[in-house]
Amino acid sequence: MIPANFVFERSKHLETFDFFARTTIAAGLTLPAVSGLIPKNCQRGFITLFGIEVELVATYPNPVLDTALSSIRVNGFPDRFYQNINGQLGKWYDPTEIMPIPVKPGDTIDVLITNGDVAPHLYSARLCGFVDYQLIKEP
């Protein structure tokens, strides 16, 4: 979950977080699928893994699952690199490593999903990362 060559890994005062949820979203709706709060007593943190998966709920011939749009948001604002992600990225049980997204103490992080299909779908979303409880001194 924490890249071995990541500079903050050396502080040894890290704690991981793992936010996961599943929700059914009706056709044409936009809802947050998963959300979490970064602890206020940490110094900094990073989202490092992301997974979103789509499952068909209603019986519908030839479902188009690539109509789902998702965005990783910090305090309600989409991350510039992870907004309007089309379709499925990774799996909820095996999230994909992403470019680290910095977060601060007290930040709210979530995944906003838009179901653009004509049928409801079950969405699974996961955000993983870590927080650092001590500042490190760089040479």
N, C-alpha and C. Protein backbone atom coordinates (compact mmCIF):
# COMPACT_ATOMS: atom_id res chain seq x y z
N MET A 1 0.81 -1.18 0.00
CA MET A 1 0.00 0.00 0.00
C MET A 1 0.87 1.25 0.00
N ILE A 2 2.04 1.20 0.60
CA ILE A 2 2.96 2.34 0.61
C ILE A 2 4.13 1.98 -0.28
N PRO A 3 4.36 2.75 -1.36
CA PRO A 3 5.50 2.45 -2.23
C PRO A 3 6.80 2.46 -1.44
N ALA A 4 7.66 1.47 -1.65
CA ALA A 4 8.89 1.31 -0.88
C ALA A 4 9.84 2.49 -1.06
N ASN A 5 9.85 3.09 -2.23
CA ASN A 5 10.76 4.20 -2.48
C ASN A 5 10.14 5.56 -2.16
N PHE A 6 8.98 5.56 -1.55
CA PHE A 6 8.30 6.79 -1.21
C PHE A 6 9.01 7.44 -0.03
N VAL A 7 9.37 8.71 -0.15
CA VAL A 7 10.18 9.38 0.85
C VAL A 7 9.55 9.33 2.24
N PHE A 8 8.23 9.39 2.34
CA PHE A 8 7.58 9.42 3.64
C PHE A 8 7.59 8.06 4.33
N GLU A 9 7.88 7.00 3.59
CA GLU A 9 7.91 5.66 4.17
C GLU A 9 8.99 5.56 5.22
N ARG A 10 10.01 6.40 5.11
CA ARG A 10 11.15 6.33 6.04
C ARG A 10 10.81 6.82 7.45
N SER A 11 9.73 7.55 7.62
CA SER A 11 9.44 8.12 8.94
C SER A 11 9.06 7.07 9.96
N LYS A 12 8.51 5.94 9.50
CA LYS A 12 8.10 4.83 10.38
C LYS A 12 7.01 5.21 11.37
N HIS A 13 6.31 6.31 11.10
CA HIS A 13 5.18 6.72 11.93
C HIS A 13 3.93 6.77 11.08
N LEU A 14 3.73 5.73 10.28
CA LEU A 14 2.64 5.72 9.32
C LEU A 14 1.52 4.80 9.77
N GLU A 15 0.32 5.16 9.35
CA GLU A 15 -0.84 4.31 9.58
C GLU A 15 -1.65 4.30 8.29
N THR A 16 -2.06 3.13 7.87
CA THR A 16 -2.81 3.02 6.61
C THR A 16 -4.30 3.25 6.86
N PHE A 17 -4.99 3.64 5.79
CA PHE A 17 -6.44 3.72 5.83
C PHE A 17 -6.99 2.99 4.62
N ASP A 18 -8.21 2.51 4.75
CA ASP A 18 -8.86 1.73 3.70
C ASP A 18 -10.36 2.01 3.78
N PHE A 19 -10.86 2.82 2.85
CA PHE A 19 -12.28 3.16 2.81
C PHE A 19 -12.93 2.40 1.66
N PHE A 20 -13.97 1.64 1.96
CA PHE A 20 -14.63 0.80 0.97
C PHE A 20 -16.13 0.87 1.18
N ALA A 21 -16.88 0.88 0.08
CA ALA A 21 -18.34 0.84 0.18
C ALA A 21 -18.92 0.32 -1.13
N ARG A 22 -20.14 -0.18 -1.02
CA ARG A 22 -20.91 -0.63 -2.19
C ARG A 22 -22.26 0.05 -2.13
N THR A 23 -22.70 0.53 -3.28
CA THR A 23 -24.00 1.20 -3.33
C THR A 23 -24.62 1.02 -4.70
N THR A 24 -25.94 0.95 -4.72
CA THR A 24 -26.66 0.86 -5.97
C THR A 24 -27.06 2.27 -6.38
N ILE A 25 -26.75 2.60 -7.63
CA ILE A 25 -27.07 3.93 -8.15
C ILE A 25 -28.02 3.75 -9.32
N ALA A 26 -29.15 4.43 -9.25
CA ALA A 26 -30.16 4.35 -10.30
C ALA A 26 -29.66 5.05 -11.57
N ALA A 27 -30.31 4.75 -12.67
CA ALA A 27 -29.92 5.32 -13.96
C ALA A 27 -29.97 6.84 -13.92
N GLY A 28 -28.90 7.46 -14.42
CA GLY A 28 -28.84 8.91 -14.53
C GLY A 28 -28.51 9.67 -13.27
N LEU A 29 -28.29 8.99 -12.16
CA LEU A 29 -27.99 9.68 -10.90
C LEU A 29 -26.49 9.77 -10.65
N THR A 30 -26.12 10.77 -9.85
CA THR A 30 -24.74 10.96 -9.41
C THR A 30 -24.74 10.95 -7.89
N LEU A 31 -23.97 10.03 -7.30
CA LEU A 31 -23.91 9.89 -5.84
C LEU A 31 -22.49 9.58 -5.39
N PRO A 32 -22.14 9.97 -4.15
CA PRO A 32 -20.87 9.52 -3.60
C PRO A 32 -20.96 8.02 -3.26
N ALA A 33 -19.97 7.25 -3.70
CA ALA A 33 -20.00 5.80 -3.46
C ALA A 33 -19.27 5.42 -2.19
N VAL A 34 -18.22 6.13 -1.86
CA VAL A 34 -17.45 5.86 -0.65
C VAL A 34 -16.89 7.18 -0.15
N SER A 35 -16.80 7.33 1.17
CA SER A 35 -16.20 8.54 1.71
C SER A 35 -15.49 8.22 3.01
N GLY A 36 -14.57 9.08 3.38
CA GLY A 36 -13.83 8.89 4.61
C GLY A 36 -13.24 10.20 5.07
N LEU A 37 -12.81 10.24 6.33
CA LEU A 37 -12.25 11.44 6.94
C LEU A 37 -10.81 11.16 7.35
N ILE A 38 -9.90 12.03 6.96
CA ILE A 38 -8.49 11.91 7.35
C ILE A 38 -8.39 12.38 8.81
N PRO A 39 -7.70 11.62 9.66
CA PRO A 39 -7.61 11.99 11.08
C PRO A 39 -7.01 13.39 11.27
N LYS A 40 -7.51 14.10 12.27
CA LYS A 40 -7.04 15.48 12.52
C LYS A 40 -5.69 15.51 13.23
N ASN A 41 -5.27 14.41 13.82
CA ASN A 41 -4.02 14.42 14.58
C ASN A 41 -2.82 13.93 13.77
N CYS A 42 -2.96 13.78 12.46
CA CYS A 42 -1.81 13.39 11.64
C CYS A 42 -1.17 14.64 11.04
N GLN A 43 0.00 14.48 10.45
CA GLN A 43 0.70 15.61 9.83
C GLN A 43 0.35 15.76 8.36
N ARG A 44 0.19 14.64 7.67
CA ARG A 44 -0.11 14.63 6.24
C ARG A 44 -0.53 13.22 5.85
N GLY A 45 -0.98 13.06 4.63
CA GLY A 45 -1.36 11.75 4.15
C GLY A 45 -1.41 11.72 2.63
N PHE A 46 -1.60 10.52 2.10
CA PHE A 46 -1.66 10.33 0.66
C PHE A 46 -2.63 9.21 0.33
N ILE A 47 -3.44 9.42 -0.71
CA ILE A 47 -4.23 8.34 -1.29
C ILE A 47 -3.32 7.68 -2.31
N THR A 48 -3.14 6.36 -2.21
CA THR A 48 -2.20 5.68 -3.11
C THR A 48 -2.84 4.56 -3.93
N LEU A 49 -4.01 4.09 -3.54
CA LEU A 49 -4.68 3.00 -4.26
C LEU A 49 -6.14 3.36 -4.50
N PHE A 50 -6.65 2.96 -5.66
CA PHE A 50 -8.02 3.25 -6.01
C PHE A 50 -8.59 2.09 -6.81
N GLY A 51 -9.82 1.72 -6.50
CA GLY A 51 -10.50 0.68 -7.27
C GLY A 51 -11.97 0.99 -7.36
N ILE A 52 -12.53 0.77 -8.53
CA ILE A 52 -13.97 0.94 -8.72
C ILE A 52 -14.44 -0.19 -9.62
N GLU A 53 -15.55 -0.78 -9.25
CA GLU A 53 -16.08 -1.91 -10.01
C GLU A 53 -17.58 -1.72 -10.18
N VAL A 54 -18.08 -2.15 -11.32
CA VAL A 54 -19.49 -1.98 -11.66
C VAL A 54 -20.11 -3.34 -11.89
N GLU A 55 -21.26 -3.57 -11.26
CA GLU A 55 -22.00 -4.81 -11.48
C GLU A 55 -23.42 -4.46 -11.91
N LEU A 56 -23.98 -5.24 -12.80
CA LEU A 56 -25.35 -5.00 -13.27
C LEU A 56 -26.33 -5.48 -12.21
N VAL A 57 -27.32 -4.64 -11.88
CA VAL A 57 -28.35 -5.00 -10.91
C VAL A 57 -29.61 -5.43 -11.63
N ALA A 58 -30.11 -4.59 -12.52
CA ALA A 58 -31.35 -4.91 -13.24
C ALA A 58 -31.03 -5.78 -14.46
N THR A 59 -31.99 -6.57 -14.85
CA THR A 59 -31.83 -7.39 -16.05
C THR A 59 -32.04 -6.49 -17.26
N TYR A 60 -31.03 -6.40 -18.07
CA TYR A 60 -31.10 -5.53 -19.23
C TYR A 60 -30.20 -6.13 -20.31
N PRO A 61 -30.71 -6.32 -21.52
CA PRO A 61 -29.85 -6.92 -22.54
C PRO A 61 -28.73 -5.97 -22.97
N ASN A 62 -27.56 -6.55 -23.18
CA ASN A 62 -26.38 -5.81 -23.64
C ASN A 62 -26.09 -4.55 -22.84
N PRO A 63 -25.84 -4.69 -21.55
CA PRO A 63 -25.59 -3.49 -20.74
C PRO A 63 -24.28 -2.81 -21.17
N VAL A 64 -24.30 -1.51 -21.13
CA VAL A 64 -23.10 -0.73 -21.46
C VAL A 64 -22.55 -0.21 -20.14
N LEU A 65 -21.50 -0.86 -19.62
CA LEU A 65 -20.95 -0.49 -18.33
C LEU A 65 -19.95 0.65 -18.43
N ASP A 66 -19.54 1.01 -19.63
CA ASP A 66 -18.58 2.10 -19.78
C ASP A 66 -19.24 3.47 -19.67
N THR A 67 -20.49 3.53 -19.29
CA THR A 67 -21.17 4.81 -19.13
C THR A 67 -20.99 5.37 -17.73
N ALA A 68 -20.30 4.65 -16.85
CA ALA A 68 -20.05 5.15 -15.49
C ALA A 68 -18.90 6.14 -15.51
N LEU A 69 -19.09 7.27 -14.83
CA LEU A 69 -18.03 8.26 -14.66
C LEU A 69 -17.77 8.39 -13.17
N SER A 70 -16.50 8.36 -12.78
CA SER A 70 -16.17 8.51 -11.37
C SER A 70 -15.07 9.55 -11.21
N SER A 71 -15.05 10.16 -10.02
CA SER A 71 -14.05 11.17 -9.68
C SER A 71 -13.63 10.98 -8.23
N ILE A 72 -12.33 11.08 -7.97
CA ILE A 72 -11.83 11.11 -6.60
C ILE A 72 -11.84 12.57 -6.18
N ARG A 73 -12.48 12.83 -5.04
CA ARG A 73 -12.59 14.21 -4.57
C ARG A 73 -11.98 14.37 -3.19
N VAL A 74 -11.38 15.52 -2.96
CA VAL A 74 -10.86 15.91 -1.66
C VAL A 74 -11.58 17.19 -1.27
N ASN A 75 -12.31 17.13 -0.16
CA ASN A 75 -13.11 18.26 0.32
C ASN A 75 -14.09 18.76 -0.74
N GLY A 76 -14.65 17.83 -1.51
CA GLY A 76 -15.64 18.18 -2.51
C GLY A 76 -15.10 18.60 -3.86
N PHE A 77 -13.78 18.74 -3.97
CA PHE A 77 -13.17 19.16 -5.23
C PHE A 77 -12.50 17.96 -5.90
N PRO A 78 -12.79 17.72 -7.19
CA PRO A 78 -12.18 16.58 -7.87
C PRO A 78 -10.68 16.76 -8.04
N ASP A 79 -9.93 15.68 -7.88
CA ASP A 79 -8.50 15.70 -8.14
C ASP A 79 -8.31 15.90 -9.64
N ARG A 80 -7.39 16.73 -10.04
CA ARG A 80 -7.25 17.07 -11.46
C ARG A 80 -6.86 15.89 -12.33
N PHE A 81 -6.19 14.90 -11.77
CA PHE A 81 -5.78 13.74 -12.55
C PHE A 81 -6.79 12.59 -12.49
N TYR A 82 -7.67 12.60 -11.49
CA TYR A 82 -8.61 11.49 -11.31
C TYR A 82 -10.05 11.99 -11.27
N GLN A 83 -10.42 12.72 -12.31
CA GLN A 83 -11.81 13.13 -12.46
C GLN A 83 -12.31 12.63 -13.81
N ASN A 84 -13.58 12.33 -13.85
CA ASN A 84 -14.21 11.81 -15.07
C ASN A 84 -13.54 10.55 -15.59
N ILE A 85 -13.28 9.62 -14.68
CA ILE A 85 -12.73 8.32 -15.06
C ILE A 85 -13.87 7.51 -15.66
N ASN A 86 -13.68 7.05 -16.87
CA ASN A 86 -14.74 6.35 -17.60
C ASN A 86 -14.65 4.85 -17.35
N GLY A 87 -15.75 4.25 -16.86
CA GLY A 87 -15.81 2.80 -16.68
C GLY A 87 -15.12 2.33 -15.42
N GLN A 88 -14.61 1.12 -15.48
CA GLN A 88 -14.04 0.45 -14.32
C GLN A 88 -12.54 0.64 -14.28
N LEU A 89 -12.00 0.85 -13.08
CA LEU A 89 -10.57 0.99 -12.89
C LEU A 89 -10.17 0.09 -11.73
N GLY A 90 -9.35 -0.89 -12.00
CA GLY A 90 -8.95 -1.84 -10.96
C GLY A 90 -10.14 -2.66 -10.49
N LYS A 91 -9.99 -3.25 -9.36
CA LYS A 91 -11.05 -4.02 -8.71
C LYS A 91 -11.15 -3.54 -7.27
N TRP A 92 -12.32 -3.65 -6.67
CA TRP A 92 -12.44 -3.20 -5.29
C TRP A 92 -11.59 -4.06 -4.36
N TYR A 93 -11.41 -5.34 -4.68
CA TYR A 93 -10.61 -6.21 -3.82
C TYR A 93 -9.13 -6.16 -4.18
N ASP A 94 -8.76 -5.55 -5.29
CA ASP A 94 -7.36 -5.40 -5.71
C ASP A 94 -7.22 -4.03 -6.37
N PRO A 95 -7.21 -2.96 -5.57
CA PRO A 95 -7.18 -1.62 -6.15
C PRO A 95 -5.88 -1.34 -6.91
N THR A 96 -5.97 -0.41 -7.84
CA THR A 96 -4.86 -0.02 -8.69
C THR A 96 -4.02 1.05 -8.01
N GLU A 97 -2.69 0.94 -8.14
CA GLU A 97 -1.81 1.98 -7.61
C GLU A 97 -1.95 3.22 -8.49
N ILE A 98 -2.13 4.36 -7.85
CA ILE A 98 -2.29 5.62 -8.56
C ILE A 98 -1.20 6.58 -8.12
N MET A 99 -1.06 7.67 -8.87
CA MET A 99 -0.15 8.72 -8.45
C MET A 99 -0.66 9.25 -7.11
N PRO A 100 0.19 9.34 -6.09
CA PRO A 100 -0.28 9.74 -4.77
C PRO A 100 -0.99 11.09 -4.78
N ILE A 101 -2.14 11.11 -4.11
CA ILE A 101 -2.93 12.34 -3.97
C ILE A 101 -2.73 12.82 -2.53
N PRO A 102 -2.13 14.00 -2.35
CA PRO A 102 -1.90 14.48 -0.98
C PRO A 102 -3.20 14.88 -0.29
N VAL A 103 -3.27 14.57 1.01
CA VAL A 103 -4.40 14.98 1.84
C VAL A 103 -3.86 15.56 3.14
N LYS A 104 -4.66 16.43 3.75
CA LYS A 104 -4.26 17.08 4.98
C LYS A 104 -5.16 16.61 6.13
N PRO A 105 -4.76 16.86 7.35
CA PRO A 105 -5.60 16.49 8.49
C PRO A 105 -6.99 17.10 8.38
N GLY A 106 -8.00 16.30 8.62
CA GLY A 106 -9.38 16.76 8.60
C GLY A 106 -10.03 16.77 7.22
N ASP A 107 -9.28 16.42 6.18
CA ASP A 107 -9.85 16.38 4.83
C ASP A 107 -10.88 15.27 4.71
N THR A 108 -11.91 15.53 3.93
CA THR A 108 -12.90 14.52 3.57
C THR A 108 -12.58 14.06 2.17
N ILE A 109 -12.44 12.75 1.99
CA ILE A 109 -12.16 12.21 0.67
C ILE A 109 -13.33 11.31 0.27
N ASP A 110 -13.65 11.33 -1.03
CA ASP A 110 -14.74 10.47 -1.49
C ASP A 110 -14.59 10.19 -2.98
N VAL A 111 -15.44 9.28 -3.44
CA VAL A 111 -15.52 8.94 -4.85
C VAL A 111 -16.94 9.24 -5.29
N LEU A 112 -17.08 10.12 -6.26
CA LEU A 112 -18.38 10.49 -6.80
C LEU A 112 -18.59 9.71 -8.09
N ILE A 113 -19.74 9.04 -8.21
CA ILE A 113 -20.02 8.20 -9.37
C ILE A 113 -21.30 8.65 -10.05
N THR A 114 -21.25 8.74 -11.37
CA THR A 114 -22.42 9.03 -12.19
C THR A 114 -22.75 7.78 -12.99
N ASN A 115 -23.98 7.30 -12.86
CA ASN A 115 -24.45 6.15 -13.63
C ASN A 115 -25.13 6.70 -14.88
N GLY A 116 -24.45 6.60 -16.03
CA GLY A 116 -24.99 7.10 -17.27
C GLY A 116 -25.74 6.05 -18.08
N ASP A 117 -25.91 4.87 -17.51
CA ASP A 117 -26.61 3.78 -18.20
C ASP A 117 -28.12 3.93 -18.01
N VAL A 118 -28.87 3.08 -18.70
CA VAL A 118 -30.34 3.11 -18.59
C VAL A 118 -30.86 2.15 -17.53
N ALA A 119 -29.96 1.51 -16.82
CA ALA A 119 -30.35 0.56 -15.76
C ALA A 119 -29.54 0.87 -14.50
N PRO A 120 -30.07 0.51 -13.33
CA PRO A 120 -29.30 0.70 -12.10
C PRO A 120 -28.14 -0.28 -12.04
N HIS A 121 -27.08 0.12 -11.37
CA HIS A 121 -25.91 -0.74 -11.20
C HIS A 121 -25.44 -0.69 -9.75
N LEU A 122 -24.79 -1.76 -9.34
CA LEU A 122 -24.15 -1.83 -8.03
C LEU A 122 -22.69 -1.42 -8.23
N TYR A 123 -22.28 -0.37 -7.53
CA TYR A 123 -20.92 0.14 -7.65
C TYR A 123 -20.15 -0.18 -6.37
N SER A 124 -18.94 -0.66 -6.52
CA SER A 124 -18.03 -0.88 -5.41
C SER A 124 -16.85 0.04 -5.61
N ALA A 125 -16.52 0.81 -4.59
CA ALA A 125 -15.40 1.75 -4.69
C ALA A 125 -14.52 1.62 -3.45
N ARG A 126 -13.21 1.85 -3.67
CA ARG A 126 -12.25 1.71 -2.57
C ARG A 126 -11.15 2.75 -2.72
N LEU A 127 -10.83 3.42 -1.63
CA LEU A 127 -9.71 4.34 -1.55
C LEU A 127 -8.80 3.88 -0.42
N CYS A 128 -7.53 3.70 -0.72
CA CYS A 128 -6.55 3.28 0.28
C CYS A 128 -5.38 4.25 0.27
N GLY A 129 -4.72 4.35 1.39
CA GLY A 129 -3.54 5.21 1.48
C GLY A 129 -2.96 5.15 2.86
N PHE A 130 -2.29 6.22 3.24
CA PHE A 130 -1.67 6.25 4.56
C PHE A 130 -1.58 7.68 5.06
N VAL A 131 -1.45 7.81 6.37
CA VAL A 131 -1.21 9.09 7.00
C VAL A 131 0.06 8.99 7.81
N ASP A 132 0.75 10.12 7.93
CA ASP A 132 2.03 10.21 8.65
C ASP A 132 1.80 11.02 9.91
N TYR A 133 2.16 10.46 11.06
CA TYR A 133 1.93 11.12 12.33
C TYR A 133 3.12 11.93 12.82
N GLN A 134 4.20 11.98 12.04
CA GLN A 134 5.36 12.74 12.46
C GLN A 134 6.05 13.30 11.23
N LEU A 135 6.40 14.58 11.30
CA LEU A 135 7.14 15.16 10.20
C LEU A 135 8.56 14.62 10.18
N ILE A 136 9.09 14.36 8.99
CA ILE A 136 10.47 13.89 8.90
C ILE A 136 11.34 15.05 8.47
N LYS A 137 12.59 15.01 8.86
CA LYS A 137 13.54 16.06 8.48
C LYS A 137 14.38 15.54 7.33
N GLU A 138 14.29 16.25 6.22
CA GLU A 138 15.07 15.87 5.03
C GLU A 138 16.43 16.53 5.11
N PRO A 139 17.48 15.85 4.64
CA PRO A 139 18.83 16.45 4.65
C PRO A 139 18.93 17.63 3.72
